[in-house]
C-alpha atoms as a PDB file:
ATOM      1  CA  ARG A   1     132.894  38.204 136.618  1.00  0.00           C
ATOM      2  CA  PRO A   2     134.947  41.157 138.806  1.00  0.00           C
ATOM      3  CA  PHE A   3     135.009  37.192 141.347  1.00  0.00           C
ATOM      4  CA  ALA A   4     136.700  35.162 137.640  1.00  0.00           C
ATOM      5  CA  PHE A   5     138.811  37.816 136.780  1.00  0.00           C
ATOM      6  CA  GLY A   6     140.664  37.731 140.170  1.00  0.00           C
ATOM      7  CA  LEU A   7     140.304  33.871 140.478  1.00  0.00           C
ATOM      8  CA  ALA A   8     142.584  34.093 137.766  1.00  0.00           C
ATOM      9  CA  ALA A   9     145.026  36.929 138.587  1.00  0.00           C
ATOM     10  CA  LEU A  10     145.404  34.593 141.664  1.00  0.00           C
ATOM     11  CA  CYS A  11     146.027  31.410 139.672  1.00  0.00           C
ATOM     12  CA  PHE A  12     148.456  33.831 137.675  1.00  0.00           C
ATOM     13  CA  ILE A  13     150.302  34.503 140.758  1.00  0.00           C
ATOM     14  CA  ILE A  14     150.794  31.289 142.140  1.00  0.00           C
ATOM     15  CA  VAL A  15     151.646  29.419 138.756  1.00  0.00           C
ATOM     16  CA  ALA A  16     154.684  32.811 138.532  1.00  0.00           C
ATOM     17  CA  TRP A  17     155.335  32.524 142.251  1.00  0.00           C
ATOM     18  CA  TRP A  18     156.292  28.614 141.865  1.00  0.00           C
ATOM     19  CA  ALA A  19     157.699  28.884 138.178  1.00  0.00           C
ATOM     20  CA  GLY A  20     160.357  31.425 139.900  1.00  0.00           C
ATOM     21  CA  THR A  21     160.945  29.521 142.623  1.00  0.00           C
ATOM     22  CA  ARG A  22     162.010  26.511 140.960  1.00  0.00           C
ATOM     23  CA  TRP A  23     163.718  28.340 138.623  1.00  0.00           C
ATOM     24  CA  THR A  24     166.012  29.561 141.405  1.00  0.00           C
ATOM     25  CA  GLY A  25     166.204  26.362 143.110  1.00  0.00           C
ATOM     26  CA  SER A  26     167.717  24.653 139.834  1.00  0.00           C
ATOM     27  CA  ARG A  27     170.002  27.566 139.181  1.00  0.00           C
ATOM     28  CA  ALA A  28     171.741  27.155 142.661  1.00  0.00           C
ATOM     29  CA  GLU A  29     171.647  23.397 142.453  1.00  0.00           C
ATOM     30  CA  ARG A  30     174.247  24.129 138.858  1.00  0.00           C
ATOM     31  CA  ALA A  31     175.809  26.088 140.910  1.00  0.00           C
ATOM     32  CA  SER A  32     176.740  24.312 143.594  1.00  0.00           C
ATOM     33  CA  TYR A  33     177.146  21.160 141.282  1.00  0.00           C
ATOM     34  CA  LEU A  34     179.796  22.748 139.023  1.00  0.00           C
ATOM     35  CA  LEU A  35     181.121  24.671 142.497  1.00  0.00           C
ATOM     36  CA  HIS A  36     181.716  20.733 143.484  1.00  0.00           C
ATOM     37  CA  GLN A  37     182.981  20.412 139.814  1.00  0.00           C
ATOM     38  CA  ALA A  38     185.797  23.293 140.464  1.00  0.00           C
ATOM     39  CA  SER A  39     186.492  22.396 144.218  1.00  0.00           C
ATOM     40  CA  THR A  40     187.553  18.729 143.466  1.00  0.00           C
ATOM     41  CA  ALA A  41     189.776  19.787 141.018  1.00  0.00           C
ATOM     42  CA  VAL A  42     191.326  22.510 143.189  1.00  0.00           C
ATOM     43  CA  ASP A  43     192.021  19.256 145.468  1.00  0.00           C
ATOM     44  CA  GLN A  44     193.455  17.534 142.497  1.00  0.00           C
ATOM     45  CA  ALA A  45     195.870  21.007 141.435  1.00  0.00           C
ATOM     46  CA  THR A  46     196.872  20.861 145.083  1.00  0.00           C
ATOM     47  CA  GLN A  47     198.181  17.552 144.875  1.00  0.00           C
ATOM     48  CA  GLY A  48     200.130  18.175 141.731  1.00  0.00           C
ATOM     49  CA  GLY A  49     197.362  18.814 139.589  1.00  0.00           C
ATOM     50  CA  ASP A  50     196.458  21.106 136.922  1.00  0.00           C
ATOM     51  CA  ALA A  51     196.228  24.285 138.353  1.00  0.00           C
ATOM     52  CA  ALA A  52     195.491  26.423 135.132  1.00  0.00           C
ATOM     53  CA  ALA A  53     192.726  23.642 134.991  1.00  0.00           C
ATOM     54  CA  ALA A  54     191.046  24.329 137.796  1.00  0.00           C
ATOM     55  CA  GLU A  55     191.551  28.208 137.660  1.00  0.00           C
ATOM     56  CA  ALA A  56     189.192  28.533 135.076  1.00  0.00           C
ATOM     57  CA  LYS A  57     186.775  25.826 135.760  1.00  0.00           C
ATOM     58  CA  LEU A  58     186.610  28.504 139.430  1.00  0.00           C
ATOM     59  CA  GLN A  59     186.538  31.334 137.090  1.00  0.00           C
ATOM     60  CA  GLU A  60     183.841  29.956 134.783  1.00  0.00           C
ATOM     61  CA  VAL A  61     181.086  29.493 138.369  1.00  0.00           C
ATOM     62  CA  ILE A  62     182.270  33.560 138.280  1.00  0.00           C
ATOM     63  CA  ASP A  63     181.362  33.723 135.159  1.00  0.00           C
ATOM     64  CA  ARG A  64     177.616  31.687 134.956  1.00  0.00           C
ATOM     65  CA  TYR A  65     176.876  32.196 138.545  1.00  0.00           C
ATOM     66  CA  GLY A  66     177.734  36.155 139.566  1.00  0.00           C
ATOM     67  CA  ARG A  67     177.174  37.138 143.201  1.00  0.00           C
ATOM     68  CA  SER A  68     175.770  34.307 144.086  1.00  0.00           C
ATOM     69  CA  GLU A  69     177.172  32.328 147.455  1.00  0.00           C
ATOM     70  CA  GLN A  70     178.581  29.934 144.775  1.00  0.00           C
ATOM     71  CA  ALA A  71     180.927  32.091 142.732  1.00  0.00           C
ATOM     72  CA  ASP A  72     181.878  33.973 145.876  1.00  0.00           C
ATOM     73  CA  MET A  73     182.967  30.492 147.141  1.00  0.00           C
ATOM     74  CA  ALA A  74     184.751  30.134 144.064  1.00  0.00           C
ATOM     75  CA  ARG A  75     186.649  33.757 144.247  1.00  0.00           C
ATOM     76  CA  VAL A  76     187.648  32.487 147.944  1.00  0.00           C
ATOM     77  CA  LEU A  77     189.217  29.548 146.284  1.00  0.00           C
ATOM     78  CA  LYS A  78     190.915  31.267 143.582  1.00  0.00           C
ATOM     79  CA  ALA A  79     192.556  33.429 145.476  1.00  0.00           C
ATOM     80  CA  ARG A  80     194.254  30.496 147.425  1.00  0.00           C
ATOM     81  CA  LEU A  81     195.135  29.070 144.144  1.00  0.00           C
ATOM     82  CA  LYS A  82     197.102  32.984 143.590  1.00  0.00           C
ATOM     83  CA  ILE A  83     198.924  32.730 146.777  1.00  0.00           C
ATOM     84  CA  ASP A  84     199.505  29.120 146.266  1.00  0.00           C
ATOM     85  CA  ARG A  85     201.093  30.468 142.769  1.00  0.00           C
ATOM     86  CA  ASN A  86     202.339  33.675 144.911  1.00  0.00           C
ATOM     87  CA  ASP A  87     200.366  36.566 142.798  1.00  0.00           C
ATOM     88  CA  LEU A  88     199.265  37.996 146.628  1.00  0.00           C
ATOM     89  CA  ASP A  89     197.984  40.659 144.964  1.00  0.00           C
ATOM     90  CA  GLY A  90     195.364  39.309 142.627  1.00  0.00           C
ATOM     91  CA  ALA A  91     194.475  37.032 145.742  1.00  0.00           C
ATOM     92  CA  ARG A  92     193.975  39.721 147.830  1.00  0.00           C
ATOM     93  CA  THR A  93     191.545  41.685 145.716  1.00  0.00           C
ATOM     94  CA  LEU A  94     189.785  38.854 145.147  1.00  0.00           C
ATOM     95  CA  LEU A  95     189.152  37.859 148.953  1.00  0.00           C
ATOM     96  CA  VAL A  96     188.700  41.841 150.029  1.00  0.00           C
ATOM     97  CA  GLU A  97     185.726  42.094 147.213  1.00  0.00           C
ATOM     98  CA  VAL A  98     184.476  38.931 149.258  1.00  0.00           C
ATOM     99  CA  SER A  99     184.945  40.011 152.191  1.00  0.00           C
ATOM    100  CA  GLU A 100     183.620  43.485 151.858  1.00  0.00           C
ATOM    101  CA  ARG A 101     180.320  41.922 149.484  1.00  0.00           C
ATOM    102  CA  ARG A 102     179.934  38.987 151.853  1.00  0.00           C
ATOM    103  CA  GLY A 103     180.258  40.927 156.130  1.00  0.00           C
ATOM    104  CA  GLY A 104     179.778  38.262 158.064  1.00  0.00           C
ATOM    105  CA  ASP A 105     177.529  35.116 156.960  1.00  0.00           C
ATOM    106  CA  ALA A 106     179.927  32.016 156.654  1.00  0.00           C
ATOM    107  CA  ILE A 107     181.595  32.574 153.181  1.00  0.00           C
ATOM    108  CA  GLY A 108     182.545  36.415 154.575  1.00  0.00           C
ATOM    109  CA  ARG A 109     184.342  35.536 157.576  1.00  0.00           C
ATOM    110  CA  VAL A 110     186.305  32.778 155.090  1.00  0.00           C
ATOM    111  CA  ALA A 111     187.679  35.104 153.044  1.00  0.00           C
ATOM    112  CA  THR A 112     187.821  37.719 155.656  1.00  0.00           C
ATOM    113  CA  LEU A 113     190.152  35.061 157.897  1.00  0.00           C
ATOM    114  CA  ASP A 114     192.094  34.505 154.636  1.00  0.00           C
ATOM    115  CA  LEU A 115     192.620  38.379 154.357  1.00  0.00           C
ATOM    116  CA  VAL A 116     193.864  38.750 158.240  1.00  0.00           C
ATOM    117  CA  HIS A 117     196.768  36.134 156.983  1.00  0.00           C
ATOM    118  CA  LEU A 118     197.510  36.758 153.655  1.00  0.00           C
ATOM    119  CA  GLN A 119     198.032  40.471 155.741  1.00  0.00           C
ATOM    120  CA  VAL A 120     200.146  39.265 158.390  1.00  0.00           C
ATOM    121  CA  ALA A 121     202.346  37.282 155.646  1.00  0.00           C
ATOM    122  CA  THR A 122     203.102  40.429 153.784  1.00  0.00           C
ATOM    123  CA  GLY A 123     203.988  42.543 156.598  1.00  0.00           C
ATOM    124  CA  GLN A 124     200.623  44.318 157.137  1.00  0.00           C
ATOM    125  CA  ALA A 125     200.341  43.133 160.443  1.00  0.00           C
ATOM    126  CA  SER A 126     199.985  47.162 161.667  1.00  0.00           C
ATOM    127  CA  GLU A 127     196.815  47.467 158.800  1.00  0.00           C
ATOM    128  CA  VAL A 128     195.432  44.335 159.900  1.00  0.00           C
ATOM    129  CA  ALA A 129     195.177  44.590 163.976  1.00  0.00           C
ATOM    130  CA  PRO A 130     192.845  47.415 164.433  1.00  0.00           C
ATOM    131  CA  GLN A 131     190.627  45.573 161.854  1.00  0.00           C
ATOM    132  CA  LEU A 132     190.738  43.131 164.537  1.00  0.00           C
ATOM    133  CA  GLU A 133     190.131  45.562 167.217  1.00  0.00           C
ATOM    134  CA  ALA A 134     187.142  46.752 165.299  1.00  0.00           C
ATOM    135  CA  MET A 135     186.321  43.394 164.966  1.00  0.00           C
ATOM    136  CA  VAL A 136     186.740  42.380 169.173  1.00  0.00           C
ATOM    137  CA  SER A 137     184.554  45.548 169.622  1.00  0.00           C
ATOM    138  CA  GLY A 138     181.772  44.759 167.446  1.00  0.00           C
ATOM    139  CA  GLU A 139     182.021  47.428 165.042  1.00  0.00           C
ATOM    140  CA  ASP A 140     182.910  45.571 161.840  1.00  0.00           C
ATOM    141  CA  LEU A 141     181.311  41.822 162.116  1.00  0.00           C
ATOM    142  CA  ARG A 142     182.801  40.410 159.428  1.00  0.00           C
ATOM    143  CA  LEU A 143     184.603  37.571 162.326  1.00  0.00           C
ATOM    144  CA  PRO A 144     183.334  36.561 165.424  1.00  0.00           C
ATOM    145  CA  ARG A 145     184.404  38.283 168.720  1.00  0.00           C
ATOM    146  CA  ASP A 146     186.659  34.952 169.724  1.00  0.00           C
ATOM    147  CA  THR A 147     187.902  34.325 166.281  1.00  0.00           C
ATOM    148  CA  ALA A 148     189.550  38.067 166.419  1.00  0.00           C
ATOM    149  CA  LEU A 149     190.700  38.235 169.683  1.00  0.00           C
ATOM    150  CA  TYR A 150     192.178  34.781 168.604  1.00  0.00           C
ATOM    151  CA  GLU A 151     193.662  36.221 165.665  1.00  0.00           C
ATOM    152  CA  LEU A 152     194.950  39.513 168.009  1.00  0.00           C
ATOM    153  CA  GLY A 153     197.147  37.012 170.409  1.00  0.00           C
ATOM    154  CA  GLN A 154     198.328  35.035 167.273  1.00  0.00           C
ATOM    155  CA  LEU A 155     199.528  38.537 165.801  1.00  0.00           C
ATOM    156  CA  PHE A 156     201.140  39.136 169.027  1.00  0.00           C
ATOM    157  CA  VAL A 157     203.298  36.168 169.009  1.00  0.00           C
ATOM    158  CA  ALA A 158     204.382  36.562 165.433  1.00  0.00           C
ATOM    159  CA  ASN A 159     204.876  40.166 166.588  1.00  0.00           C
ATOM    160  CA  GLU A 160     207.800  39.377 169.999  1.00  0.00           C
ATOM    161  CA  ASP A 161     204.787  41.045 172.098  1.00  0.00           C
ATOM    162  CA  PRO A 162     204.063  38.107 174.552  1.00  0.00           C
ATOM    163  CA  ALA A 163     202.550  40.270 176.875  1.00  0.00           C
ATOM    164  CA  ARG A 164     199.925  41.848 174.203  1.00  0.00           C
ATOM    165  CA  ALA A 165     199.353  37.944 173.174  1.00  0.00           C
ATOM    166  CA  ARG A 166     198.979  37.374 176.468  1.00  0.00           C
ATOM    167  CA  SER A 167     196.072  39.709 177.193  1.00  0.00           C
ATOM    168  CA  TYR A 168     194.083  38.849 174.150  1.00  0.00           C
ATOM    169  CA  TYR A 169     194.360  34.958 175.009  1.00  0.00           C
ATOM    170  CA  GLN A 170     193.134  35.630 178.602  1.00  0.00           C
ATOM    171  CA  ARG A 171     190.233  38.044 177.449  1.00  0.00           C
ATOM    172  CA  LEU A 172     189.392  34.598 175.258  1.00  0.00           C
ATOM    173  CA  VAL A 173     189.894  31.802 177.807  1.00  0.00           C
ATOM    174  CA  ASP A 174     188.131  34.259 180.283  1.00  0.00           C
ATOM    175  CA  GLU A 175     185.362  35.449 177.804  1.00  0.00           C
ATOM    176  CA  PHE A 176     184.210  33.294 175.554  1.00  0.00           C
ATOM    177  CA  PRO A 177     184.129  29.348 177.345  1.00  0.00           C
ATOM    178  CA  GLU A 178     182.391  28.054 174.414  1.00  0.00           C
ATOM    179  CA  SER A 179     184.994  28.892 172.147  1.00  0.00           C
ATOM    180  CA  PRO A 180     186.644  27.114 169.284  1.00  0.00           C
ATOM    181  CA  TYR A 181     189.232  28.606 170.641  1.00  0.00           C
ATOM    182  CA  ARG A 182     189.446  28.279 173.916  1.00  0.00           C
ATOM    183  CA  ALA A 183     192.027  25.390 173.974  1.00  0.00           C
ATOM    184  CA  GLN A 184     193.767  26.713 171.613  1.00  0.00           C
ATOM    185  CA  ALA A 185     194.044  29.620 174.027  1.00  0.00           C
ATOM    186  CA  SER A 186     194.524  28.394 176.617  1.00  0.00           C
ATOM    187  CA  GLN A 187     197.559  26.509 175.731  1.00  0.00           C
ATOM    188  CA  ARG A 188     199.098  29.389 174.255  1.00  0.00           C
ATOM    189  CA  LEU A 189     198.609  30.992 177.455  1.00  0.00           C
ATOM    190  CA  ALA A 190     200.401  28.247 179.122  1.00  0.00           C
ATOM    191  CA  GLU A 191     204.205  28.858 176.318  1.00  0.00           C
ATOM    192  CA  LEU A 192     203.420  32.507 177.210  1.00  0.00           C
ATOM    193  CA  GLY A 193     203.374  31.127 180.925  1.00  0.00           C
END
């Protein structure tokens, strides 16, 4: 009798686990499909299509799937639409939210990089430099070190401080020979002399 009860309990646990994984898998698939539809609408909006419709689709992903990867990617895309409409504060809010929540995963890195570019474009370079320095030192893991070095070089080129820019580009070339930014950093070093 105890054996039968234990076997029944084990079967129940297996069925519950199977049903749970099927439910979460199908939920992720639905979220991905809706995000695909929303990103298609964003592509159309950037080519002169209906930006309001694209934003509504992105908001639907966010509303339905909350803090999922797909919803956070929808937030990043929505932030980009807001930048295009010059709603920089709205874009910043979305990017900060995703960057802080996702950290150093792929979506978090995209959000962090967009946030860095937004801050530089809006004259907040003095705030960005210490953040990038923390990423280079490994204290902040939201961007890879080579990306942070490249962005620091770009920042100091824009601020007309070629000596500092050169030091960051040189460090990237020396310390990260496999970096996808290495060729660009080498080119920048040649341009800076």
